[in-house]
Amino acid sequence: MSDSDASGEKAQDGAGQKPDEESRPVTAAARRERRASARPSGKADAKSDDKTRPAGKAKAGDKTEKSKDAKGTATPKRDRKPKQASIFARLMRFIREVWAELRKVIWPNRKQMVTYTAVVLVFVVFMVALVSGLDLAFKEVVGAVFGS
């Protein structure tokens, strides 16, 4: 059972003192020690073994034979190309992916659609009026300059 109940208060016995349970470790070192003692023996031994742990980064002056050989050669090419699926399999995969993406879309409800449609129609009417007005104005200006 845990140290606290559902209300978040600490568990206490009748005398107002904490029970004689083992308390939680306060320091990081104590927590590591407690975790190590709770591990199965194989894992605790593996951590202490230096050979199983990865080596750190090599220093600037510390170059190994392996890194010299690896840097001097190009990456080997693969022998064969992966087999390409048939046209029908690729088409079905494409349709499945499109369907999956369409399920992620948040579709607008009726009220939103009416609002968006009204906004678009008002904008289109405004643009038609603007272009018509500019056309009429340019027609008058060209007629006045060049005469008709």
C-alpha atoms as a PDB file:
ATOM      1  CA  MET A   1       0.000   0.000   0.000  1.00  0.00           C
ATOM      2  CA  SER A   2       1.246   3.549  -0.692  1.00  0.00           C
ATOM      3  CA  ASP A   3       2.250   6.285   1.747  1.00  0.00           C
ATOM      4  CA  SER A   4      -0.799   8.399   0.929  1.00  0.00           C
ATOM      5  CA  ASP A   5      -4.482   7.661   0.563  1.00  0.00           C
ATOM      6  CA  ALA A   6      -6.851   9.001  -2.118  1.00  0.00           C
ATOM      7  CA  SER A   7      -7.229  12.387  -0.374  1.00  0.00           C
ATOM      8  CA  GLY A   8      -3.492  13.024  -0.431  1.00  0.00           C
ATOM      9  CA  GLU A   9      -2.995  12.914   3.343  1.00  0.00           C
ATOM     10  CA  LYS A  10      -0.172  10.910   4.892  1.00  0.00           C
ATOM     11  CA  ALA A  11      -1.071   7.628   6.546  1.00  0.00           C
ATOM     12  CA  GLN A  12      -0.753   7.763  10.347  1.00  0.00           C
ATOM     13  CA  ASP A  13      -1.424   5.354  13.140  1.00  0.00           C
ATOM     14  CA  GLY A  14      -3.659   6.119  16.144  1.00  0.00           C
ATOM     15  CA  ALA A  15      -0.941   8.081  18.032  1.00  0.00           C
ATOM     16  CA  GLY A  16      -0.425  10.570  15.213  1.00  0.00           C
ATOM     17  CA  GLN A  17       2.939   9.093  14.206  1.00  0.00           C
ATOM     18  CA  LYS A  18       3.957   7.573  10.882  1.00  0.00           C
ATOM     19  CA  PRO A  19       3.857   3.786  10.812  1.00  0.00           C
ATOM     20  CA  ASP A  20       7.149   1.931  11.210  1.00  0.00           C
ATOM     21  CA  GLU A  21       7.348   1.284   7.451  1.00  0.00           C
ATOM     22  CA  GLU A  22      10.477   1.883   5.444  1.00  0.00           C
ATOM     23  CA  SER A  23      10.341   5.524   4.329  1.00  0.00           C
ATOM     24  CA  ARG A  24      11.106   6.766   0.828  1.00  0.00           C
ATOM     25  CA  PRO A  25      14.749   7.652   0.185  1.00  0.00           C
ATOM     26  CA  VAL A  26      15.464  11.382   0.196  1.00  0.00           C
ATOM     27  CA  THR A  27      18.759  11.606  -1.650  1.00  0.00           C
ATOM     28  CA  ALA A  28      19.516  10.483  -5.194  1.00  0.00           C
ATOM     29  CA  ALA A  29      22.217   8.125  -3.955  1.00  0.00           C
ATOM     30  CA  ALA A  30      19.761   6.455  -1.588  1.00  0.00           C
ATOM     31  CA  ARG A  31      17.214   6.059  -4.414  1.00  0.00           C
ATOM     32  CA  ARG A  32      19.842   4.453  -6.663  1.00  0.00           C
ATOM     33  CA  GLU A  33      20.833   2.084  -3.869  1.00  0.00           C
ATOM     34  CA  ARG A  34      17.199   1.122  -3.279  1.00  0.00           C
ATOM     35  CA  ARG A  35      16.617   0.539  -7.012  1.00  0.00           C
ATOM     36  CA  ALA A  36      19.768  -1.578  -7.253  1.00  0.00           C
ATOM     37  CA  SER A  37      18.669  -3.753  -4.363  1.00  0.00           C
ATOM     38  CA  ALA A  38      15.243  -4.257  -5.970  1.00  0.00           C
ATOM     39  CA  ARG A  39      16.716  -5.374  -9.334  1.00  0.00           C
ATOM     40  CA  PRO A  40      17.184  -8.999 -10.224  1.00  0.00           C
ATOM     41  CA  SER A  41      20.762 -10.115  -9.738  1.00  0.00           C
ATOM     42  CA  GLY A  42      21.506 -10.295 -13.480  1.00  0.00           C
ATOM     43  CA  LYS A  43      20.703  -6.645 -14.118  1.00  0.00           C
ATOM     44  CA  ALA A  44      22.624  -5.342 -11.114  1.00  0.00           C
ATOM     45  CA  ASP A  45      25.715  -7.330 -12.143  1.00  0.00           C
ATOM     46  CA  ALA A  46      25.478  -6.150 -15.757  1.00  0.00           C
ATOM     47  CA  LYS A  47      25.515  -2.507 -14.728  1.00  0.00           C
ATOM     48  CA  SER A  48      28.698  -2.905 -12.719  1.00  0.00           C
ATOM     49  CA  ASP A  49      30.436  -4.673 -15.632  1.00  0.00           C
ATOM     50  CA  ASP A  50      32.301  -2.090 -17.749  1.00  0.00           C
ATOM     51  CA  LYS A  51      32.392  -4.279 -20.880  1.00  0.00           C
ATOM     52  CA  THR A  52      28.620  -4.189 -21.396  1.00  0.00           C
ATOM     53  CA  ARG A  53      28.430  -0.411 -21.233  1.00  0.00           C
ATOM     54  CA  PRO A  54      29.095   1.578 -24.399  1.00  0.00           C
ATOM     55  CA  ALA A  55      32.387   3.401 -24.703  1.00  0.00           C
ATOM     56  CA  GLY A  56      32.436   7.187 -24.572  1.00  0.00           C
ATOM     57  CA  LYS A  57      33.395   9.457 -27.452  1.00  0.00           C
ATOM     58  CA  ALA A  58      36.979   9.197 -28.612  1.00  0.00           C
ATOM     59  CA  LYS A  59      39.300  12.078 -27.814  1.00  0.00           C
ATOM     60  CA  ALA A  60      40.893  14.137 -30.595  1.00  0.00           C
ATOM     61  CA  GLY A  61      44.294  12.435 -30.224  1.00  0.00           C
ATOM     62  CA  ASP A  62      42.827   8.955 -29.639  1.00  0.00           C
ATOM     63  CA  LYS A  63      42.267   7.455 -33.111  1.00  0.00           C
ATOM     64  CA  THR A  64      41.611   3.785 -33.519  1.00  0.00           C
ATOM     65  CA  GLU A  65      42.268   1.517 -36.486  1.00  0.00           C
ATOM     66  CA  LYS A  66      38.558   0.886 -36.932  1.00  0.00           C
ATOM     67  CA  SER A  67      37.673   4.562 -37.417  1.00  0.00           C
ATOM     68  CA  LYS A  68      40.523   5.043 -39.928  1.00  0.00           C
ATOM     69  CA  ASP A  69      39.315   2.147 -42.095  1.00  0.00           C
ATOM     70  CA  ALA A  70      35.652   3.162 -41.917  1.00  0.00           C
ATOM     71  CA  LYS A  71      36.252   6.752 -43.025  1.00  0.00           C
ATOM     72  CA  GLY A  72      38.421   5.854 -46.025  1.00  0.00           C
ATOM     73  CA  THR A  73      35.920   3.648 -47.871  1.00  0.00           C
ATOM     74  CA  ALA A  74      32.658   4.344 -49.644  1.00  0.00           C
ATOM     75  CA  THR A  75      29.403   2.866 -48.517  1.00  0.00           C
ATOM     76  CA  PRO A  76      28.881  -0.471 -50.295  1.00  0.00           C
ATOM     77  CA  LYS A  77      26.039  -0.617 -52.812  1.00  0.00           C
ATOM     78  CA  ARG A  78      23.166  -3.011 -52.431  1.00  0.00           C
ATOM     79  CA  ASP A  79      23.110  -5.976 -54.773  1.00  0.00           C
ATOM     80  CA  ARG A  80      19.469  -5.889 -55.794  1.00  0.00           C
ATOM     81  CA  LYS A  81      16.597  -3.447 -55.877  1.00  0.00           C
ATOM     82  CA  PRO A  82      13.608  -4.089 -53.634  1.00  0.00           C
ATOM     83  CA  LYS A  83      10.690  -5.634 -55.498  1.00  0.00           C
ATOM     84  CA  GLN A  84       8.017  -3.082 -56.367  1.00  0.00           C
ATOM     85  CA  ALA A  85       4.407  -3.957 -55.581  1.00  0.00           C
ATOM     86  CA  SER A  86       1.876  -4.342 -58.370  1.00  0.00           C
ATOM     87  CA  ILE A  87      -0.122  -1.369 -59.631  1.00  0.00           C
ATOM     88  CA  PHE A  88      -3.272  -2.664 -57.943  1.00  0.00           C
ATOM     89  CA  ALA A  89      -1.522  -3.108 -54.575  1.00  0.00           C
ATOM     90  CA  ARG A  90      -0.109   0.427 -54.795  1.00  0.00           C
ATOM     91  CA  LEU A  91      -3.518   1.817 -55.767  1.00  0.00           C
ATOM     92  CA  MET A  92      -5.218   0.059 -52.841  1.00  0.00           C
ATOM     93  CA  ARG A  93      -2.530   1.324 -50.452  1.00  0.00           C
ATOM     94  CA  PHE A  94      -3.040   4.870 -51.748  1.00  0.00           C
ATOM     95  CA  ILE A  95      -6.827   4.625 -51.253  1.00  0.00           C
ATOM     96  CA  ARG A  96      -6.371   3.250 -47.711  1.00  0.00           C
ATOM     97  CA  GLU A  97      -4.019   6.113 -46.835  1.00  0.00           C
ATOM     98  CA  VAL A  98      -6.390   8.716 -48.307  1.00  0.00           C
ATOM     99  CA  TRP A  99      -9.278   7.210 -46.355  1.00  0.00           C
ATOM    100  CA  ALA A 100      -7.201   7.267 -43.147  1.00  0.00           C
ATOM    101  CA  GLU A 101      -6.337  10.947 -43.692  1.00  0.00           C
ATOM    102  CA  LEU A 102      -9.976  11.832 -44.387  1.00  0.00           C
ATOM    103  CA  ARG A 103     -10.963  10.264 -41.067  1.00  0.00           C
ATOM    104  CA  LYS A 104      -8.549  12.671 -39.321  1.00  0.00           C
ATOM    105  CA  VAL A 105     -10.250  15.729 -40.836  1.00  0.00           C
ATOM    106  CA  ILE A 106     -12.499  17.760 -38.531  1.00  0.00           C
ATOM    107  CA  TRP A 107     -15.519  18.346 -40.715  1.00  0.00           C
ATOM    108  CA  PRO A 108     -17.559  21.552 -40.205  1.00  0.00           C
ATOM    109  CA  ASN A 109     -21.109  21.303 -38.912  1.00  0.00           C
ATOM    110  CA  ARG A 110     -24.119  22.811 -40.689  1.00  0.00           C
ATOM    111  CA  LYS A 111     -23.904  26.195 -38.936  1.00  0.00           C
ATOM    112  CA  GLN A 112     -20.234  26.575 -39.820  1.00  0.00           C
ATOM    113  CA  MET A 113     -20.894  25.620 -43.453  1.00  0.00           C
ATOM    114  CA  VAL A 114     -23.658  28.246 -43.757  1.00  0.00           C
ATOM    115  CA  THR A 115     -21.369  30.868 -42.219  1.00  0.00           C
ATOM    116  CA  TYR A 116     -18.414  29.993 -44.467  1.00  0.00           C
ATOM    117  CA  THR A 117     -20.631  29.948 -47.573  1.00  0.00           C
ATOM    118  CA  ALA A 118     -22.077  33.362 -46.720  1.00  0.00           C
ATOM    119  CA  VAL A 119     -18.578  34.809 -46.194  1.00  0.00           C
ATOM    120  CA  VAL A 120     -17.397  33.459 -49.548  1.00  0.00           C
ATOM    121  CA  LEU A 121     -20.470  34.772 -51.402  1.00  0.00           C
ATOM    122  CA  VAL A 122     -20.119  38.240 -49.856  1.00  0.00           C
ATOM    123  CA  PHE A 123     -16.430  38.317 -50.791  1.00  0.00           C
ATOM    124  CA  VAL A 124     -17.181  37.248 -54.383  1.00  0.00           C
ATOM    125  CA  VAL A 125     -19.907  39.918 -54.740  1.00  0.00           C
ATOM    126  CA  PHE A 126     -17.487  42.533 -53.368  1.00  0.00           C
ATOM    127  CA  MET A 127     -14.725  41.506 -55.797  1.00  0.00           C
ATOM    128  CA  VAL A 128     -17.136  41.519 -58.774  1.00  0.00           C
ATOM    129  CA  ALA A 129     -18.310  45.005 -57.820  1.00  0.00           C
ATOM    130  CA  LEU A 130     -14.703  46.210 -57.398  1.00  0.00           C
ATOM    131  CA  VAL A 131     -13.555  44.856 -60.760  1.00  0.00           C
ATOM    132  CA  SER A 132     -16.692  46.171 -62.503  1.00  0.00           C
ATOM    133  CA  GLY A 133     -16.195  49.603 -60.935  1.00  0.00           C
ATOM    134  CA  LEU A 134     -12.534  49.736 -61.959  1.00  0.00           C
ATOM    135  CA  ASP A 135     -13.448  48.597 -65.486  1.00  0.00           C
ATOM    136  CA  LEU A 136     -16.061  51.334 -65.787  1.00  0.00           C
ATOM    137  CA  ALA A 137     -13.620  53.935 -64.410  1.00  0.00           C
ATOM    138  CA  PHE A 138     -10.842  52.925 -66.811  1.00  0.00           C
ATOM    139  CA  LYS A 139     -13.320  52.942 -69.705  1.00  0.00           C
ATOM    140  CA  GLU A 140     -14.287  56.553 -68.863  1.00  0.00           C
ATOM    141  CA  VAL A 141     -10.636  57.600 -68.459  1.00  0.00           C
ATOM    142  CA  VAL A 142      -9.597  56.023 -71.779  1.00  0.00           C
ATOM    143  CA  GLY A 143     -12.660  57.555 -73.481  1.00  0.00           C
ATOM    144  CA  ALA A 144     -11.813  61.004 -72.126  1.00  0.00           C
ATOM    145  CA  VAL A 145      -8.116  60.782 -73.084  1.00  0.00           C
ATOM    146  CA  PHE A 146      -8.437  59.291 -76.551  1.00  0.00           C
ATOM    147  CA  GLY A 147     -11.973  60.404 -77.397  1.00  0.00           C
ATOM    148  CA  SER A 148     -14.559  58.055 -78.723  1.00  0.00           C
END
